[in-house]
Amino acid sequence: MRQFYEEAAFRTVKKEKGFYKHLGTWIIFSVFFILLNLFTSPGDFWAIFPIMGWGVGVASHALGVFGLPGFGKSWEANRYQKEMERYRKLMNEDDSDYMEDAPPLPSGYDKESIKDRLELKEIRKVPRPYKDSDLV
């Protein structure tokens, strides 16, 4: 198990290192484009186009490595735990344990029918639109 975590940590560090190399290269070339623009055509600021185009690539690389801020794996795990707790309380037999913010049950459903669906006690037989004799 330790080897698994060491390999995962190594891959994460390698991805971050690749991103920082990409960011550094973008910064160096951005300065180069600005200087080239100032010396060749100071009246027209064309350097913004390659800088912004490459910047989109750097930004997407950052999202791929670090994820969307606030929505990483820890957010997903915490959100999953909250949803599971909400469903456990919703399915609890004691009505006093319902959460205040739990949505009302859809019309035509009661707690037992939902429990049956969640537990998948049996597989319902779906009628087939064909007969066995129709098959070759």
C-alpha atoms as a PDB file:
ATOM      1  CA  MET A   1       0.000   0.000   0.000  1.00  0.00           C
ATOM      2  CA  ARG A   2       2.866   2.341   0.785  1.00  0.00           C
ATOM      3  CA  GLN A   3       4.296   1.821  -2.691  1.00  0.00           C
ATOM      4  CA  PHE A   4       0.949   2.849  -4.200  1.00  0.00           C
ATOM      5  CA  TYR A   5       0.997   6.145  -2.283  1.00  0.00           C
ATOM      6  CA  GLU A   6       4.635   6.781  -3.172  1.00  0.00           C
ATOM      7  CA  GLU A   7       3.881   6.277  -6.874  1.00  0.00           C
ATOM      8  CA  ALA A   8       0.807   8.525  -6.653  1.00  0.00           C
ATOM      9  CA  ALA A   9       2.843  11.240  -4.926  1.00  0.00           C
ATOM     10  CA  PHE A  10       5.584  10.917  -7.555  1.00  0.00           C
ATOM     11  CA  ARG A  11       3.039  11.295 -10.395  1.00  0.00           C
ATOM     12  CA  THR A  12       1.485  14.349  -8.738  1.00  0.00           C
ATOM     13  CA  VAL A  13       4.857  16.038  -8.256  1.00  0.00           C
ATOM     14  CA  LYS A  14       5.811  15.235 -11.853  1.00  0.00           C
ATOM     15  CA  LYS A  15       2.568  16.815 -13.158  1.00  0.00           C
ATOM     16  CA  GLU A  16       3.120  19.938 -11.045  1.00  0.00           C
ATOM     17  CA  LYS A  17       6.724  20.193 -12.235  1.00  0.00           C
ATOM     18  CA  GLY A  18       5.547  19.963 -15.849  1.00  0.00           C
ATOM     19  CA  PHE A  19       3.051  22.759 -15.240  1.00  0.00           C
ATOM     20  CA  TYR A  20       5.654  25.038 -13.641  1.00  0.00           C
ATOM     21  CA  LYS A  21       7.997  24.431 -16.600  1.00  0.00           C
ATOM     22  CA  HIS A  22       5.174  25.347 -18.962  1.00  0.00           C
ATOM     23  CA  LEU A  23       4.388  28.482 -16.929  1.00  0.00           C
ATOM     24  CA  GLY A  24       8.045  29.544 -16.870  1.00  0.00           C
ATOM     25  CA  THR A  25       8.408  29.065 -20.611  1.00  0.00           C
ATOM     26  CA  TRP A  26       5.243  31.104 -21.200  1.00  0.00           C
ATOM     27  CA  ILE A  27       6.548  33.961 -19.026  1.00  0.00           C
ATOM     28  CA  ILE A  28       9.922  34.006 -20.801  1.00  0.00           C
ATOM     29  CA  PHE A  29       8.338  33.994 -24.256  1.00  0.00           C
ATOM     30  CA  SER A  30       5.777  36.615 -23.213  1.00  0.00           C
ATOM     31  CA  VAL A  31       8.625  38.970 -22.294  1.00  0.00           C
ATOM     32  CA  PHE A  32      10.340  38.067 -25.590  1.00  0.00           C
ATOM     33  CA  PHE A  33       7.173  38.811 -27.599  1.00  0.00           C
ATOM     34  CA  ILE A  34       6.704  42.162 -25.831  1.00  0.00           C
ATOM     35  CA  LEU A  35      10.310  43.194 -26.461  1.00  0.00           C
ATOM     36  CA  LEU A  36      10.131  42.038 -30.071  1.00  0.00           C
ATOM     37  CA  ASN A  37       6.912  44.001 -30.504  1.00  0.00           C
ATOM     38  CA  LEU A  38       8.425  47.156 -28.981  1.00  0.00           C
ATOM     39  CA  PHE A  39      11.476  47.009 -31.269  1.00  0.00           C
ATOM     40  CA  THR A  40       9.728  46.048 -34.513  1.00  0.00           C
ATOM     41  CA  SER A  41       6.372  47.875 -34.410  1.00  0.00           C
ATOM     42  CA  PRO A  42       5.850  49.943 -31.254  1.00  0.00           C
ATOM     43  CA  GLY A  43       2.623  51.505 -32.544  1.00  0.00           C
ATOM     44  CA  ASP A  44       0.834  48.162 -32.950  1.00  0.00           C
ATOM     45  CA  PHE A  45       0.629  45.830 -29.946  1.00  0.00           C
ATOM     46  CA  TRP A  46       0.379  42.481 -31.730  1.00  0.00           C
ATOM     47  CA  ALA A  47       2.183  40.565 -28.956  1.00  0.00           C
ATOM     48  CA  ILE A  48      -1.054  40.248 -27.021  1.00  0.00           C
ATOM     49  CA  PHE A  49      -2.335  37.604 -29.469  1.00  0.00           C
ATOM     50  CA  PRO A  50       0.390  34.956 -28.976  1.00  0.00           C
ATOM     51  CA  ILE A  51       0.569  35.775 -25.257  1.00  0.00           C
ATOM     52  CA  MET A  52      -3.179  35.309 -24.744  1.00  0.00           C
ATOM     53  CA  GLY A  53      -3.368  32.258 -27.008  1.00  0.00           C
ATOM     54  CA  TRP A  54      -0.583  30.519 -25.148  1.00  0.00           C
ATOM     55  CA  GLY A  55      -2.067  31.758 -21.861  1.00  0.00           C
ATOM     56  CA  VAL A  56      -5.233  29.797 -22.552  1.00  0.00           C
ATOM     57  CA  GLY A  57      -3.083  26.686 -22.889  1.00  0.00           C
ATOM     58  CA  VAL A  58      -1.291  27.453 -19.619  1.00  0.00           C
ATOM     59  CA  ALA A  59      -4.629  28.020 -17.870  1.00  0.00           C
ATOM     60  CA  SER A  60      -6.038  24.718 -19.145  1.00  0.00           C
ATOM     61  CA  HIS A  61      -2.828  22.966 -18.052  1.00  0.00           C
ATOM     62  CA  ALA A  62      -3.287  24.473 -14.573  1.00  0.00           C
ATOM     63  CA  LEU A  63      -6.893  23.239 -14.430  1.00  0.00           C
ATOM     64  CA  GLY A  64      -5.756  19.784 -15.464  1.00  0.00           C
ATOM     65  CA  VAL A  65      -3.088  19.642 -12.767  1.00  0.00           C
ATOM     66  CA  PHE A  66      -4.717  21.485  -9.861  1.00  0.00           C
ATOM     67  CA  GLY A  67      -8.411  21.231 -10.756  1.00  0.00           C
ATOM     68  CA  LEU A  68     -11.031  23.910 -10.467  1.00  0.00           C
ATOM     69  CA  PRO A  69     -10.479  25.913  -7.264  1.00  0.00           C
ATOM     70  CA  GLY A  70     -12.882  24.755  -4.587  1.00  0.00           C
ATOM     71  CA  PHE A  71     -13.935  21.617  -6.481  1.00  0.00           C
ATOM     72  CA  GLY A  72     -11.109  19.173  -5.873  1.00  0.00           C
ATOM     73  CA  LYS A  73     -11.290  15.588  -4.679  1.00  0.00           C
ATOM     74  CA  SER A  74     -11.794  16.643  -1.052  1.00  0.00           C
ATOM     75  CA  TRP A  75     -14.853  18.698  -2.063  1.00  0.00           C
ATOM     76  CA  GLU A  76     -16.255  15.702  -3.921  1.00  0.00           C
ATOM     77  CA  ALA A  77     -15.701  13.381  -0.961  1.00  0.00           C
ATOM     78  CA  ASN A  78     -17.240  15.854   1.500  1.00  0.00           C
ATOM     79  CA  ARG A  79     -20.229  16.441  -0.755  1.00  0.00           C
ATOM     80  CA  TYR A  80     -20.733  12.681  -1.147  1.00  0.00           C
ATOM     81  CA  GLN A  81     -20.694  12.221   2.632  1.00  0.00           C
ATOM     82  CA  LYS A  82     -23.269  14.990   3.111  1.00  0.00           C
ATOM     83  CA  GLU A  83     -25.585  13.490   0.486  1.00  0.00           C
ATOM     84  CA  MET A  84     -25.296  10.007   2.004  1.00  0.00           C
ATOM     85  CA  GLU A  85     -26.086  11.396   5.455  1.00  0.00           C
ATOM     86  CA  ARG A  86     -29.092  13.252   4.050  1.00  0.00           C
ATOM     87  CA  TYR A  87     -30.438  10.047   2.446  1.00  0.00           C
ATOM     88  CA  ARG A  88     -29.808   8.025   5.608  1.00  0.00           C
ATOM     89  CA  LYS A  89     -31.810  10.525   7.614  1.00  0.00           C
ATOM     90  CA  LEU A  90     -34.514  10.660   4.961  1.00  0.00           C
ATOM     91  CA  MET A  91     -34.906   6.875   5.069  1.00  0.00           C
ATOM     92  CA  ASN A  92     -34.818   6.663   8.859  1.00  0.00           C
ATOM     93  CA  GLU A  93     -38.007   5.191  10.335  1.00  0.00           C
ATOM     94  CA  ASP A  94     -38.244   7.885  13.007  1.00  0.00           C
ATOM     95  CA  ASP A  95     -39.945  10.942  11.472  1.00  0.00           C
ATOM     96  CA  SER A  96     -38.219  13.254  13.960  1.00  0.00           C
ATOM     97  CA  ASP A  97     -34.850  12.472  12.339  1.00  0.00           C
ATOM     98  CA  TYR A  98     -35.770  14.119   9.040  1.00  0.00           C
ATOM     99  CA  MET A  99     -33.491  16.945   8.132  1.00  0.00           C
ATOM    100  CA  GLU A 100     -35.110  20.355   7.926  1.00  0.00           C
ATOM    101  CA  ASP A 101     -33.710  20.986   4.450  1.00  0.00           C
ATOM    102  CA  ALA A 102     -34.630  17.568   3.060  1.00  0.00           C
ATOM    103  CA  PRO A 103     -36.880  17.879   0.013  1.00  0.00           C
ATOM    104  CA  PRO A 104     -40.403  16.474   0.268  1.00  0.00           C
ATOM    105  CA  LEU A 105     -41.022  13.063  -1.221  1.00  0.00           C
ATOM    106  CA  PRO A 106     -42.395  13.107  -4.772  1.00  0.00           C
ATOM    107  CA  SER A 107     -46.127  12.545  -5.086  1.00  0.00           C
ATOM    108  CA  GLY A 108     -47.066   8.885  -5.212  1.00  0.00           C
ATOM    109  CA  TYR A 109     -44.010   7.743  -3.226  1.00  0.00           C
ATOM    110  CA  ASP A 110     -43.676   6.744   0.362  1.00  0.00           C
ATOM    111  CA  LYS A 111     -40.581   5.832   2.362  1.00  0.00           C
ATOM    112  CA  GLU A 112     -41.070   2.082   1.882  1.00  0.00           C
ATOM    113  CA  SER A 113     -41.299   2.257  -1.914  1.00  0.00           C
ATOM    114  CA  ILE A 114     -38.147   4.367  -2.039  1.00  0.00           C
ATOM    115  CA  LYS A 115     -36.354   1.962   0.318  1.00  0.00           C
ATOM    116  CA  ASP A 116     -37.304  -0.925  -1.965  1.00  0.00           C
ATOM    117  CA  ARG A 117     -35.898   0.893  -4.974  1.00  0.00           C
ATOM    118  CA  LEU A 118     -32.673   1.860  -3.181  1.00  0.00           C
ATOM    119  CA  GLU A 119     -32.035  -1.629  -1.807  1.00  0.00           C
ATOM    120  CA  LEU A 120     -32.805  -3.373  -5.142  1.00  0.00           C
ATOM    121  CA  LYS A 121     -34.364  -6.358  -3.374  1.00  0.00           C
ATOM    122  CA  GLU A 122     -35.414  -7.934  -6.637  1.00  0.00           C
ATOM    123  CA  ILE A 123     -34.801  -7.390 -10.282  1.00  0.00           C
ATOM    124  CA  ARG A 124     -38.041  -6.504 -11.972  1.00  0.00           C
ATOM    125  CA  LYS A 125     -38.862  -8.447 -15.104  1.00  0.00           C
ATOM    126  CA  VAL A 126     -39.165  -6.095 -18.064  1.00  0.00           C
ATOM    127  CA  PRO A 127     -41.512  -7.269 -20.828  1.00  0.00           C
ATOM    128  CA  ARG A 128     -39.740  -7.891 -24.109  1.00  0.00           C
ATOM    129  CA  PRO A 129     -41.184  -6.403 -27.280  1.00  0.00           C
ATOM    130  CA  TYR A 130     -40.420  -9.648 -29.167  1.00  0.00           C
ATOM    131  CA  LYS A 131     -40.949 -13.399 -28.840  1.00  0.00           C
ATOM    132  CA  ASP A 132     -38.151 -15.951 -28.614  1.00  0.00           C
ATOM    133  CA  SER A 133     -39.405 -17.475 -31.870  1.00  0.00           C
ATOM    134  CA  ASP A 134     -38.667 -14.174 -33.670  1.00  0.00           C
ATOM    135  CA  LEU A 135     -34.937 -14.682 -33.117  1.00  0.00           C
ATOM    136  CA  VAL A 136     -32.875 -16.557 -35.689  1.00  0.00           C
END
